[in-house]
Amino acid sequence: MRTVEEINKELAEMRDKGISRKGISDGYHTFDELYLHRMVLFSTILNAYPEISWKSKQHHDGTMFDGCFICGINTPEGQYTYHYKMKYWLHFRVPEIEKAPVYDGHKPSDIGRLYSLS
């Protein structure tokens, strides 16, 4: 059996070769399904708190990944953000701002900041 490190290395090689990994599954969900689920859940949170949420087609420095936007929420414990493909833009019914706020350094492990909303 291959190790997690070996599998992750193979996935990185696939990415580098331009091979899609969206259909890879854990036996229950594909990466593509999980990405969609995350988008639905995050848009629901932002749409419930539009006064502290935003979306932008640019980072604070004017850059952006091709075909993407950034959206976020300013929780009592700090920012939480995700990047999404433009096809999901209309799912986020929050104020559009010209440029995203300066990144505060949050990491995936800071997901608990969302608990501070309740």
PDB file of N, CA and C in Angstrom:
ATOM      1  N   MET A   1       0.851  -1.180   0.000  1.00  0.00           N
ATOM      2  CA  MET A   1       0.000   0.000   0.000  1.00  0.00           C
ATOM      3  C   MET A   1       0.896   1.242   0.000  1.00  0.00           C
ATOM      4  N   ARG A   2       0.488   2.231  -0.761  1.00  0.00           N
ATOM      5  CA  ARG A   2       1.258   3.477  -0.846  1.00  0.00           C
ATOM      6  C   ARG A   2       0.990   4.363   0.367  1.00  0.00           C
ATOM      7  N   THR A   3       1.975   5.172   0.698  1.00  0.00           N
ATOM      8  CA  THR A   3       1.831   6.093   1.824  1.00  0.00           C
ATOM      9  C   THR A   3       1.092   7.353   1.363  1.00  0.00           C
ATOM     10  N   VAL A   4       0.626   8.117   2.334  1.00  0.00           N
ATOM     11  CA  VAL A   4      -0.023   9.395   2.033  1.00  0.00           C
ATOM     12  C   VAL A   4       0.941  10.299   1.278  1.00  0.00           C
ATOM     13  N   GLU A   5       2.192  10.302   1.681  1.00  0.00           N
ATOM     14  CA  GLU A   5       3.196  11.136   1.011  1.00  0.00           C
ATOM     15  C   GLU A   5       3.345  10.751  -0.457  1.00  0.00           C
ATOM     16  N   GLU A   6       3.336   9.449  -0.746  1.00  0.00           N
ATOM     17  CA  GLU A   6       3.451   8.983  -2.133  1.00  0.00           C
ATOM     18  C   GLU A   6       2.238   9.397  -2.959  1.00  0.00           C
ATOM     19  N   ILE A   7       1.071   9.274  -2.361  1.00  0.00           N
ATOM     20  CA  ILE A   7      -0.158   9.666  -3.064  1.00  0.00           C
ATOM     21  C   ILE A   7      -0.148  11.165  -3.335  1.00  0.00           C
ATOM     22  N   ASN A   8       0.232  11.962  -2.330  1.00  0.00           N
ATOM     23  CA  ASN A   8       0.286  13.415  -2.514  1.00  0.00           C
ATOM     24  C   ASN A   8       1.309  13.808  -3.570  1.00  0.00           C
ATOM     25  N   LYS A   9       2.426  13.099  -3.622  1.00  0.00           N
ATOM     26  CA  LYS A   9       3.436  13.368  -4.652  1.00  0.00           C
ATOM     27  C   LYS A   9       2.861  13.079  -6.036  1.00  0.00           C
ATOM     28  N   GLU A  10       2.153  11.973  -6.164  1.00  0.00           N
ATOM     29  CA  GLU A  10       1.536  11.635  -7.451  1.00  0.00           C
ATOM     30  C   GLU A  10       0.490  12.679  -7.851  1.00  0.00           C
ATOM     31  N   LEU A  11      -0.298  13.143  -6.890  1.00  0.00           N
ATOM     32  CA  LEU A  11      -1.291  14.186  -7.178  1.00  0.00           C
ATOM     33  C   LEU A  11      -0.609  15.473  -7.634  1.00  0.00           C
ATOM     34  N   ALA A  12       0.492  15.831  -6.994  1.00  0.00           N
ATOM     35  CA  ALA A  12       1.234  17.034  -7.393  1.00  0.00           C
ATOM     36  C   ALA A  12       1.793  16.878  -8.802  1.00  0.00           C
ATOM     37  N   GLU A  13       2.273  15.691  -9.127  1.00  0.00           N
ATOM     38  CA  GLU A  13       2.779  15.438 -10.480  1.00  0.00           C
ATOM     39  C   GLU A  13       1.657  15.549 -11.509  1.00  0.00           C
ATOM     40  N   MET A  14       0.473  15.049 -11.159  1.00  0.00           N
ATOM     41  CA  MET A  14      -0.682  15.174 -12.056  1.00  0.00           C
ATOM     42  C   MET A  14      -1.009  16.648 -12.283  1.00  0.00           C
ATOM     43  N   ARG A  15      -1.020  17.424 -11.193  1.00  0.00           N
ATOM     44  CA  ARG A  15      -1.292  18.860 -11.298  1.00  0.00           C
ATOM     45  C   ARG A  15      -0.281  19.526 -12.220  1.00  0.00           C
ATOM     46  N   ASP A  16       0.987  19.213 -12.013  1.00  0.00           N
ATOM     47  CA  ASP A  16       2.053  19.827 -12.809  1.00  0.00           C
ATOM     48  C   ASP A  16       1.956  19.470 -14.289  1.00  0.00           C
ATOM     49  N   LYS A  17       1.377  18.319 -14.590  1.00  0.00           N
ATOM     50  CA  LYS A  17       1.202  17.884 -15.984  1.00  0.00           C
ATOM     51  C   LYS A  17      -0.129  18.353 -16.568  1.00  0.00           C
ATOM     52  N   GLY A  18      -0.924  19.069 -15.757  1.00  0.00           N
ATOM     53  CA  GLY A  18      -2.210  19.568 -16.233  1.00  0.00           C
ATOM     54  C   GLY A  18      -3.301  18.514 -16.252  1.00  0.00           C
ATOM     55  N   ILE A  19      -3.119  17.435 -15.511  1.00  0.00           N
ATOM     56  CA  ILE A  19      -4.116  16.365 -15.449  1.00  0.00           C
ATOM     57  C   ILE A  19      -5.117  16.700 -14.348  1.00  0.00           C
ATOM     58  N   SER A  20      -6.398  16.667 -14.672  1.00  0.00           N
ATOM     59  CA  SER A  20      -7.439  16.993 -13.701  1.00  0.00           C
ATOM     60  C   SER A  20      -7.487  15.956 -12.582  1.00  0.00           C
ATOM     61  N   ARG A  21      -7.678  16.446 -11.372  1.00  0.00           N
ATOM     62  CA  ARG A  21      -7.838  15.581 -10.211  1.00  0.00           C
ATOM     63  C   ARG A  21      -9.235  15.687  -9.632  1.00  0.00           C
ATOM     64  N   LYS A  22     -10.134  16.370 -10.335  1.00  0.00           N
ATOM     65  CA  LYS A  22     -11.482  16.631  -9.826  1.00  0.00           C
ATOM     66  C   LYS A  22     -12.287  15.364  -9.568  1.00  0.00           C
ATOM     67  N   GLY A  23     -12.054  14.314 -10.351  1.00  0.00           N
ATOM     68  CA  GLY A  23     -12.828  13.088 -10.210  1.00  0.00           C
ATOM     69  C   GLY A  23     -12.293  12.123  -9.172  1.00  0.00           C
ATOM     70  N   ILE A  24     -11.170  12.459  -8.542  1.00  0.00           N
ATOM     71  CA  ILE A  24     -10.603  11.579  -7.520  1.00  0.00           C
ATOM     72  C   ILE A  24     -11.530  11.572  -6.313  1.00  0.00           C
ATOM     73  N   SER A  25     -11.743  10.385  -5.761  1.00  0.00           N
ATOM     74  CA  SER A  25     -12.718  10.218  -4.691  1.00  0.00           C
ATOM     75  C   SER A  25     -12.105   9.523  -3.485  1.00  0.00           C
ATOM     76  N   ASP A  26     -12.685   9.797  -2.329  1.00  0.00           N
ATOM     77  CA  ASP A  26     -12.325   9.068  -1.112  1.00  0.00           C
ATOM     78  C   ASP A  26     -13.235   7.858  -0.927  1.00  0.00           C
ATOM     79  N   GLY A  27     -14.043   7.587  -1.926  1.00  0.00           N
ATOM     80  CA  GLY A  27     -15.008   6.498  -1.846  1.00  0.00           C
ATOM     81  C   GLY A  27     -16.411   6.992  -1.541  1.00  0.00           C
ATOM     82  N   TYR A  28     -16.519   8.246  -1.163  1.00  0.00           N
ATOM     83  CA  TYR A  28     -17.808   8.854  -0.847  1.00  0.00           C
ATOM     84  C   TYR A  28     -18.072  10.076  -1.719  1.00  0.00           C
ATOM     85  N   HIS A  29     -17.080  10.950  -1.838  1.00  0.00           N
ATOM     86  CA  HIS A  29     -17.216  12.188  -2.603  1.00  0.00           C
ATOM     87  C   HIS A  29     -15.965  12.412  -3.444  1.00  0.00           C
ATOM     88  N   THR A  30     -16.151  13.070  -4.585  1.00  0.00           N
ATOM     89  CA  THR A  30     -15.006  13.479  -5.394  1.00  0.00           C
ATOM     90  C   THR A  30     -14.515  14.836  -4.903  1.00  0.00           C
ATOM     91  N   PHE A  31     -13.277  15.186  -5.286  1.00  0.00           N
ATOM     92  CA  PHE A  31     -12.778  16.522  -4.972  1.00  0.00           C
ATOM     93  C   PHE A  31     -13.734  17.577  -5.511  1.00  0.00           C
ATOM     94  N   ASP A  32     -14.238  17.363  -6.721  1.00  0.00           N
ATOM     95  CA  ASP A  32     -15.148  18.328  -7.346  1.00  0.00           C
ATOM     96  C   ASP A  32     -16.414  18.508  -6.514  1.00  0.00           C
ATOM     97  N   GLU A  33     -16.984  17.404  -6.017  1.00  0.00           N
ATOM     98  CA  GLU A  33     -18.179  17.504  -5.170  1.00  0.00           C
ATOM     99  C   GLU A  33     -17.876  18.257  -3.878  1.00  0.00           C
ATOM    100  N   LEU A  34     -16.748  17.954  -3.262  1.00  0.00           N
ATOM    101  CA  LEU A  34     -16.397  18.628  -2.009  1.00  0.00           C
ATOM    102  C   LEU A  34     -16.159  20.117  -2.217  1.00  0.00           C
ATOM    103  N   TYR A  35     -15.553  20.485  -3.344  1.00  0.00           N
ATOM    104  CA  TYR A  35     -15.342  21.893  -3.679  1.00  0.00           C
ATOM    105  C   TYR A  35     -16.692  22.597  -3.805  1.00  0.00           C
ATOM    106  N   LEU A  36     -17.638  21.956  -4.488  1.00  0.00           N
ATOM    107  CA  LEU A  36     -18.978  22.534  -4.635  1.00  0.00           C
ATOM    108  C   LEU A  36     -19.666  22.654  -3.271  1.00  0.00           C
ATOM    109  N   HIS A  37     -19.565  21.619  -2.446  1.00  0.00           N
ATOM    110  CA  HIS A  37     -20.191  21.669  -1.121  1.00  0.00           C
ATOM    111  C   HIS A  37     -19.616  22.820  -0.295  1.00  0.00           C
ATOM    112  N   ARG A  38     -18.286  22.990  -0.344  1.00  0.00           N
ATOM    113  CA  ARG A  38     -17.646  24.087   0.396  1.00  0.00           C
ATOM    114  C   ARG A  38     -18.157  25.431  -0.100  1.00  0.00           C
ATOM    115  N   MET A  39     -18.307  25.568  -1.426  1.00  0.00           N
ATOM    116  CA  MET A  39     -18.802  26.830  -1.985  1.00  0.00           C
ATOM    117  C   MET A  39     -20.222  27.109  -1.497  1.00  0.00           C
ATOM    118  N   VAL A  40     -21.093  26.102  -1.519  1.00  0.00           N
ATOM    119  CA  VAL A  40     -22.479  26.291  -1.071  1.00  0.00           C
ATOM    120  C   VAL A  40     -22.508  26.692   0.402  1.00  0.00           C
ATOM    121  N   LEU A  41     -21.755  26.006   1.232  1.00  0.00           N
ATOM    122  CA  LEU A  41     -21.747  26.315   2.662  1.00  0.00           C
ATOM    123  C   LEU A  41     -21.167  27.700   2.950  1.00  0.00           C
ATOM    124  N   PHE A  42     -20.049  28.051   2.297  1.00  0.00           N
ATOM    125  CA  PHE A  42     -19.437  29.359   2.549  1.00  0.00           C
ATOM    126  C   PHE A  42     -20.321  30.480   2.017  1.00  0.00           C
ATOM    127  N   SER A  43     -20.940  30.295   0.857  1.00  0.00           N
ATOM    128  CA  SER A  43     -21.831  31.340   0.337  1.00  0.00           C
ATOM    129  C   SER A  43     -23.030  31.524   1.259  1.00  0.00           C
ATOM    130  N   THR A  44     -23.522  30.449   1.843  1.00  0.00           N
ATOM    131  CA  THR A  44     -24.644  30.552   2.779  1.00  0.00           C
ATOM    132  C   THR A  44     -24.248  31.374   4.002  1.00  0.00           C
ATOM    133  N   ILE A  45     -23.054  31.151   4.523  1.00  0.00           N
ATOM    134  CA  ILE A  45     -22.576  31.929   5.674  1.00  0.00           C
ATOM    135  C   ILE A  45     -22.428  33.399   5.298  1.00  0.00           C
ATOM    136  N   LEU A  46     -21.754  33.684   4.182  1.00  0.00           N
ATOM    137  CA  LEU A  46     -21.552  35.078   3.777  1.00  0.00           C
ATOM    138  C   LEU A  46     -22.878  35.764   3.501  1.00  0.00           C
ATOM    139  N   ASN A  47     -23.787  35.076   2.838  1.00  0.00           N
ATOM    140  CA  ASN A  47     -25.087  35.673   2.523  1.00  0.00           C
ATOM    141  C   ASN A  47     -25.901  35.944   3.786  1.00  0.00           C
ATOM    142  N   ALA A  48     -25.664  35.194   4.852  1.00  0.00           N
ATOM    143  CA  ALA A  48     -26.354  35.423   6.125  1.00  0.00           C
ATOM    144  C   ALA A  48     -25.770  36.618   6.882  1.00  0.00           C
ATOM    145  N   TYR A  49     -24.534  37.009   6.543  1.00  0.00           N
ATOM    146  CA  TYR A  49     -23.848  38.121   7.200  1.00  0.00           C
ATOM    147  C   TYR A  49     -23.317  39.116   6.168  1.00  0.00           C
ATOM    148  N   PRO A  50     -24.190  39.679   5.331  1.00  0.00           N
ATOM    149  CA  PRO A  50     -23.698  40.560   4.261  1.00  0.00           C
ATOM    150  C   PRO A  50     -23.026  41.833   4.777  1.00  0.00           C
ATOM    151  N   GLU A  51     -23.351  42.257   5.976  1.00  0.00           N
ATOM    152  CA  GLU A  51     -22.780  43.496   6.509  1.00  0.00           C
ATOM    153  C   GLU A  51     -21.296  43.352   6.863  1.00  0.00           C
ATOM    154  N   ILE A  52     -20.804  42.123   7.008  1.00  0.00           N
ATOM    155  CA  ILE A  52     -19.385  41.911   7.314  1.00  0.00           C
ATOM    156  C   ILE A  52     -18.702  41.030   6.262  1.00  0.00           C
ATOM    157  N   SER A  53     -19.392  40.839   5.132  1.00  0.00           N
ATOM    158  CA  SER A  53     -18.865  39.995   4.058  1.00  0.00           C
ATOM    159  C   SER A  53     -18.614  40.816   2.812  1.00  0.00           C
ATOM    160  N   TRP A  54     -17.838  40.264   1.891  1.00  0.00           N
ATOM    161  CA  TRP A  54     -17.478  40.983   0.670  1.00  0.00           C
ATOM    162  C   TRP A  54     -16.994  39.993  -0.383  1.00  0.00           C
ATOM    163  N   LYS A  55     -16.920  40.488  -1.610  1.00  0.00           N
ATOM    164  CA  LYS A  55     -16.300  39.727  -2.700  1.00  0.00           C
ATOM    165  C   LYS A  55     -15.572  40.721  -3.590  1.00  0.00           C
ATOM    166  N   SER A  56     -14.504  40.249  -4.241  1.00  0.00           N
ATOM    167  CA  SER A  56     -13.705  41.129  -5.082  1.00  0.00           C
ATOM    168  C   SER A  56     -13.043  40.335  -6.203  1.00  0.00           C
ATOM    169  N   LYS A  57     -12.854  41.004  -7.311  1.00  0.00           N
ATOM    170  CA  LYS A  57     -12.158  40.399  -8.447  1.00  0.00           C
ATOM    171  C   LYS A  57     -10.657  40.657  -8.389  1.00  0.00           C
ATOM    172  N   GLN A  58     -10.215  41.332  -7.304  1.00  0.00           N
ATOM    173  CA  GLN A  58      -8.794  41.639  -7.156  1.00  0.00           C
ATOM    174  C   GLN A  58      -8.351  41.462  -5.705  1.00  0.00           C
ATOM    175  N   HIS A  59      -7.120  40.998  -5.534  1.00  0.00           N
ATOM    176  CA  HIS A  59      -6.490  41.038  -4.218  1.00  0.00           C
ATOM    177  C   HIS A  59      -6.186  42.501  -3.888  1.00  0.00           C
ATOM    178  N   HIS A  60      -5.729  42.772  -2.683  1.00  0.00           N
ATOM    179  CA  HIS A  60      -5.439  44.156  -2.279  1.00  0.00           C
ATOM    180  C   HIS A  60      -4.398  44.816  -3.177  1.00  0.00           C
ATOM    181  N   ASP A  61      -3.519  44.008  -3.789  1.00  0.00           N
ATOM    182  CA  ASP A  61      -2.456  44.559  -4.644  1.00  0.00           C
ATOM    183  C   ASP A  61      -2.830  44.586  -6.128  1.00  0.00           C
ATOM    184  N   GLY A  62      -4.095  44.284  -6.432  1.00  0.00           N
ATOM    185  CA  GLY A  62      -4.570  44.337  -7.812  1.00  0.00           C
ATOM    186  C   GLY A  62      -4.388  43.057  -8.602  1.00  0.00           C
ATOM    187  N   THR A  63      -3.806  42.025  -8.008  1.00  0.00           N
ATOM    188  CA  THR A  63      -3.617  40.753  -8.705  1.00  0.00           C
ATOM    189  C   THR A  63      -4.820  39.835  -8.496  1.00  0.00           C
ATOM    190  N   MET A  64      -4.903  38.787  -9.299  1.00  0.00           N
ATOM    191  CA  MET A  64      -5.900  37.735  -9.097  1.00  0.00           C
ATOM    192  C   MET A  64      -5.523  36.550  -9.961  1.00  0.00           C
ATOM    193  N   PHE A  65      -5.896  35.369  -9.526  1.00  0.00           N
ATOM    194  CA  PHE A  65      -5.689  34.151 -10.299  1.00  0.00           C
ATOM    195  C   PHE A  65      -6.646  34.170 -11.485  1.00  0.00           C
ATOM    196  N   ASP A  66      -6.213  33.630 -12.615  1.00  0.00           N
ATOM    197  CA  ASP A  66      -7.031  33.634 -13.828  1.00  0.00           C
ATOM    198  C   ASP A  66      -8.400  33.010 -13.582  1.00  0.00           C
ATOM    199  N   GLY A  67      -9.452  33.750 -13.961  1.00  0.00           N
ATOM    200  CA  GLY A  67     -10.811  33.243 -13.883  1.00  0.00           C
ATOM    201  C   GLY A  67     -11.369  33.085 -12.492  1.00  0.00           C
ATOM    202  N   CYS A  68     -10.767  33.751 -11.516  1.00  0.00           N
ATOM    203  CA  CYS A  68     -11.184  33.582 -10.123  1.00  0.00           C
ATOM    204  C   CYS A  68     -11.550  34.910  -9.465  1.00  0.00           C
ATOM    205  N   PHE A  69     -12.180  34.795  -8.307  1.00  0.00           N
ATOM    206  CA  PHE A  69     -12.424  35.933  -7.427  1.00  0.00           C
ATOM    207  C   PHE A  69     -12.155  35.467  -6.005  1.00  0.00           C
ATOM    208  N   ILE A  70     -12.094  36.421  -5.098  1.00  0.00           N
ATOM    209  CA  ILE A  70     -11.918  36.122  -3.686  1.00  0.00           C
ATOM    210  C   ILE A  70     -13.126  36.661  -2.939  1.00  0.00           C
ATOM    211  N   CYS A  71     -13.554  35.935  -1.919  1.00  0.00           N
ATOM    212  CA  CYS A  71     -14.639  36.422  -1.070  1.00  0.00           C
ATOM    213  C   CYS A  71     -14.265  36.120   0.372  1.00  0.00           C
ATOM    214  N   GLY A  72     -14.836  36.909   1.266  1.00  0.00           N
ATOM    215  CA  GLY A  72     -14.463  36.715   2.654  1.00  0.00           C
ATOM    216  C   GLY A  72     -15.441  37.324   3.624  1.00  0.00           C
ATOM    217  N   ILE A  73     -15.161  37.043   4.875  1.00  0.00           N
ATOM    218  CA  ILE A  73     -15.974  37.555   5.971  1.00  0.00           C
ATOM    219  C   ILE A  73     -15.023  38.036   7.064  1.00  0.00           C
ATOM    220  N   ASN A  74     -15.366  39.144   7.683  1.00  0.00           N
ATOM    221  CA  ASN A  74     -14.567  39.729   8.757  1.00  0.00           C
ATOM    222  C   ASN A  74     -15.185  39.324  10.088  1.00  0.00           C
ATOM    223  N   THR A  75     -14.743  38.193  10.636  1.00  0.00           N
ATOM    224  CA  THR A  75     -15.301  37.683  11.881  1.00  0.00           C
ATOM    225  C   THR A  75     -14.721  38.461  13.063  1.00  0.00           C
ATOM    226  N   PRO A  76     -15.306  38.319  14.261  1.00  0.00           N
ATOM    227  CA  PRO A  76     -14.715  38.950  15.438  1.00  0.00           C
ATOM    228  C   PRO A  76     -13.272  38.497  15.701  1.00  0.00           C
ATOM    229  N   GLU A  77     -12.888  37.327  15.182  1.00  0.00           N
ATOM    230  CA  GLU A  77     -11.531  36.810  15.386  1.00  0.00           C
ATOM    231  C   GLU A  77     -10.607  37.055  14.197  1.00  0.00           C
ATOM    232  N   GLY A  78     -11.110  37.720  13.160  1.00  0.00           N
ATOM    233  CA  GLY A  78     -10.291  38.002  11.984  1.00  0.00           C
ATOM    234  C   GLY A  78     -10.938  37.506  10.703  1.00  0.00           C
ATOM    235  N   GLN A  79     -10.236  37.697   9.599  1.00  0.00           N
ATOM    236  CA  GLN A  79     -10.753  37.320   8.274  1.00  0.00           C
ATOM    237  C   GLN A  79     -10.829  35.805   8.102  1.00  0.00           C
ATOM    238  N   TYR A  80     -11.724  35.419   7.192  1.00  0.00           N
ATOM    239  CA  TYR A  80     -11.668  34.081   6.604  1.00  0.00           C
ATOM    240  C   TYR A  80     -12.084  34.238   5.158  1.00  0.00           C
ATOM    241  N   THR A  81     -11.314  33.655   4.246  1.00  0.00           N
ATOM    242  CA  THR A  81     -11.542  33.857   2.814  1.00  0.00           C
ATOM    243  C   THR A  81     -11.356  32.564   2.037  1.00  0.00           C
ATOM    244  N   TYR A  82     -11.934  32.576   0.838  1.00  0.00           N
ATOM    245  CA  TYR A  82     -11.692  31.521  -0.143  1.00  0.00           C
ATOM    246  C   TYR A  82     -11.641  32.159  -1.520  1.00  0.00           C
ATOM    247  N   HIS A  83     -10.945  31.506  -2.435  1.00  0.00           N
ATOM    248  CA  HIS A  83     -10.981  31.857  -3.852  1.00  0.00           C
ATOM    249  C   HIS A  83     -11.935  30.891  -4.542  1.00  0.00           C
ATOM    250  N   TYR A  84     -12.691  31.402  -5.502  1.00  0.00           N
ATOM    251  CA  TYR A  84     -13.598  30.567  -6.295  1.00  0.00           C
ATOM    252  C   TYR A  84     -13.515  30.963  -7.755  1.00  0.00           C
ATOM    253  N   LYS A  85     -13.926  30.051  -8.609  1.00  0.00           N
ATOM    254  CA  LYS A  85     -14.031  30.334 -10.042  1.00  0.00           C
ATOM    255  C   LYS A  85     -15.161  31.342 -10.257  1.00  0.00           C
ATOM    256  N   MET A  86     -15.020  32.171 -11.294  1.00  0.00           N
ATOM    257  CA  MET A  86     -16.011  33.218 -11.582  1.00  0.00           C
ATOM    258  C   MET A  86     -17.414  32.659 -11.803  1.00  0.00           C
ATOM    259  N   LYS A  87     -17.536  31.408 -12.212  1.00  0.00           N
ATOM    260  CA  LYS A  87     -18.872  30.844 -12.445  1.00  0.00           C
ATOM    261  C   LYS A  87     -19.711  30.830 -11.166  1.00  0.00           C
ATOM    262  N   TYR A  88     -19.078  30.984 -10.002  1.00  0.00           N
ATOM    263  CA  TYR A  88     -19.802  30.989  -8.727  1.00  0.00           C
ATOM    264  C   TYR A  88     -20.088  32.396  -8.193  1.00  0.00           C
ATOM    265  N   TRP A  89     -19.683  33.427  -8.912  1.00  0.00           N
ATOM    266  CA  TRP A  89     -19.807  34.816  -8.472  1.00  0.00           C
ATOM    267  C   TRP A  89     -21.208  35.149  -7.957  1.00  0.00           C
ATOM    268  N   LEU A  90     -22.232  34.800  -8.690  1.00  0.00           N
ATOM    269  CA  LEU A  90     -23.601  35.193  -8.332  1.00  0.00           C
ATOM    270  C   LEU A  90     -24.152  34.440  -7.120  1.00  0.00           C
ATOM    271  N   HIS A  91     -23.502  33.372  -6.705  1.00  0.00           N
ATOM    272  CA  HIS A  91     -23.942  32.658  -5.504  1.00  0.00           C
ATOM    273  C   HIS A  91     -23.659  33.475  -4.244  1.00  0.00           C
ATOM    274  N   PHE A  92     -22.705  34.395  -4.341  1.00  0.00           N
ATOM    275  CA  PHE A  92     -22.326  35.231  -3.203  1.00  0.00           C
ATOM    276  C   PHE A  92     -23.024  36.580  -3.342  1.00  0.00           C
ATOM    277  N   ARG A  93     -24.143  36.748  -2.635  1.00  0.00           N
ATOM    278  CA  ARG A  93     -24.949  37.964  -2.712  1.00  0.00           C
ATOM    279  C   ARG A  93     -24.515  38.928  -1.600  1.00  0.00           C
ATOM    280  N   VAL A  94     -23.273  39.353  -1.716  1.00  0.00           N
ATOM    281  CA  VAL A  94     -22.652  40.239  -0.728  1.00  0.00           C
ATOM    282  C   VAL A  94     -22.056  41.429  -1.470  1.00  0.00           C
ATOM    283  N   PRO A  95     -21.730  42.504  -0.757  1.00  0.00           N
ATOM    284  CA  PRO A  95     -21.166  43.675  -1.434  1.00  0.00           C
ATOM    285  C   PRO A  95     -19.883  43.349  -2.203  1.00  0.00           C
ATOM    286  N   GLU A  96     -19.794  43.897  -3.403  1.00  0.00           N
ATOM    287  CA  GLU A  96     -18.568  43.803  -4.185  1.00  0.00           C
ATOM    288  C   GLU A  96     -17.692  44.995  -3.830  1.00  0.00           C
ATOM    289  N   ILE A  97     -16.430  44.732  -3.561  1.00  0.00           N
ATOM    290  CA  ILE A  97     -15.477  45.808  -3.305  1.00  0.00           C
ATOM    291  C   ILE A  97     -14.402  45.764  -4.388  1.00  0.00           C
ATOM    292  N   GLU A  98     -13.791  46.925  -4.651  1.00  0.00           N
ATOM    293  CA  GLU A  98     -12.817  47.009  -5.738  1.00  0.00           C
ATOM    294  C   GLU A  98     -11.623  46.086  -5.506  1.00  0.00           C
ATOM    295  N   LYS A  99     -11.086  46.113  -4.287  1.00  0.00           N
ATOM    296  CA  LYS A  99      -9.943  45.269  -3.947  1.00  0.00           C
ATOM    297  C   LYS A  99     -10.184  44.637  -2.580  1.00  0.00           C
ATOM    298  N   ALA A 100      -9.761  43.399  -2.444  1.00  0.00           N
ATOM    299  CA  ALA A 100      -9.903  42.697  -1.168  1.00  0.00           C
ATOM    300  C   ALA A 100      -9.066  43.382  -0.094  1.00  0.00           C
ATOM    301  N   PRO A 101      -9.459  43.246   1.164  1.00  0.00           N
ATOM    302  CA  PRO A 101      -8.626  43.777   2.246  1.00  0.00           C
ATOM    303  C   PRO A 101      -7.252  43.099   2.242  1.00  0.00           C
ATOM    304  N   VAL A 102      -6.294  43.738   2.853  1.00  0.00           N
ATOM    305  CA  VAL A 102      -4.963  43.147   2.995  1.00  0.00           C
ATOM    306  C   VAL A 102      -5.109  41.824   3.755  1.00  0.00           C
ATOM    307  N   TYR A 103      -4.476  40.794   3.249  1.00  0.00           N
ATOM    308  CA  TYR A 103      -4.514  39.455   3.838  1.00  0.00           C
ATOM    309  C   TYR A 103      -3.922  39.484   5.245  1.00  0.00           C
ATOM    310  N   ASP A 104      -4.657  38.948   6.202  1.00  0.00           N
ATOM    311  CA  ASP A 104      -4.205  38.977   7.599  1.00  0.00           C
ATOM    312  C   ASP A 104      -3.395  37.743   8.000  1.00  0.00           C
ATOM    313  N   GLY A 105      -3.089  36.888   7.042  1.00  0.00           N
ATOM    314  CA  GLY A 105      -2.267  35.717   7.325  1.00  0.00           C
ATOM    315  C   GLY A 105      -3.032  34.487   7.782  1.00  0.00           C
ATOM    316  N   HIS A 106      -4.369  34.525   7.729  1.00  0.00           N
ATOM    317  CA  HIS A 106      -5.130  33.362   8.191  1.00  0.00           C
ATOM    318  C   HIS A 106      -4.795  32.124   7.362  1.00  0.00           C
ATOM    319  N   LYS A 107      -4.945  30.971   8.014  1.00  0.00           N
ATOM    320  CA  LYS A 107      -4.613  29.679   7.427  1.00  0.00           C
ATOM    321  C   LYS A 107      -5.841  28.774   7.497  1.00  0.00           C
ATOM    322  N   PRO A 108      -5.833  27.646   6.782  1.00  0.00           N
ATOM    323  CA  PRO A 108      -6.958  26.711   6.883  1.00  0.00           C
ATOM    324  C   PRO A 108      -7.267  26.314   8.326  1.00  0.00           C
ATOM    325  N   SER A 109      -6.253  26.239   9.164  1.00  0.00           N
ATOM    326  CA  SER A 109      -6.478  25.869  10.567  1.00  0.00           C
ATOM    327  C   SER A 109      -7.242  26.938  11.346  1.00  0.00           C
ATOM    328  N   ASP A 110      -7.428  28.122  10.759  1.00  0.00           N
ATOM    329  CA  ASP A 110      -8.196  29.194  11.398  1.00  0.00           C
ATOM    330  C   ASP A 110      -9.689  29.112  11.088  1.00  0.00           C
ATOM    331  N   ILE A 111     -10.135  28.016  10.497  1.00  0.00           N
ATOM    332  CA  ILE A 111     -11.549  27.850  10.148  1.00  0.00           C
ATOM    333  C   ILE A 111     -12.449  28.085  11.367  1.00  0.00           C
ATOM    334  N   GLY A 112     -11.956  27.822  12.563  1.00  0.00           N
ATOM    335  CA  GLY A 112     -12.731  28.034  13.786  1.00  0.00           C
ATOM    336  C   GLY A 112     -13.159  29.475  13.995  1.00  0.00           C
ATOM    337  N   ARG A 113     -12.547  30.413  13.264  1.00  0.00           N
ATOM    338  CA  ARG A 113     -12.989  31.809  13.351  1.00  0.00           C
ATOM    339  C   ARG A 113     -14.473  31.935  13.007  1.00  0.00           C
ATOM    340  N   LEU A 114     -14.957  31.043  12.168  1.00  0.00           N
ATOM    341  CA  LEU A 114     -16.370  31.116  11.782  1.00  0.00           C
ATOM    342  C   LEU A 114     -17.290  30.857  12.969  1.00  0.00           C
ATOM    343  N   TYR A 115     -16.832  30.101  13.966  1.00  0.00           N
ATOM    344  CA  TYR A 115     -17.635  29.877  15.173  1.00  0.00           C
ATOM    345  C   TYR A 115     -17.897  31.178  15.923  1.00  0.00           C
ATOM    346  N   SER A 116     -17.023  32.164  15.779  1.00  0.00           N
ATOM    347  CA  SER A 116     -17.202  33.425  16.502  1.00  0.00           C
ATOM    348  C   SER A 116     -18.389  34.226  15.977  1.00  0.00           C
ATOM    349  N   LEU A 117     -18.997  33.777  14.886  1.00  0.00           N
ATOM    350  CA  LEU A 117     -20.167  34.465  14.337  1.00  0.00           C
ATOM    351  C   LEU A 117     -21.435  34.153  15.120  1.00  0.00           C
ATOM    352  N   SER A 118     -21.442  33.047  15.858  1.00  0.00           N
ATOM    353  CA  SER A 118     -22.673  32.660  16.574  1.00  0.00           C
ATOM    354  C   SER A 118     -22.547  32.848  18.067  1.00  0.00           C
TER     355      SER A 118
END
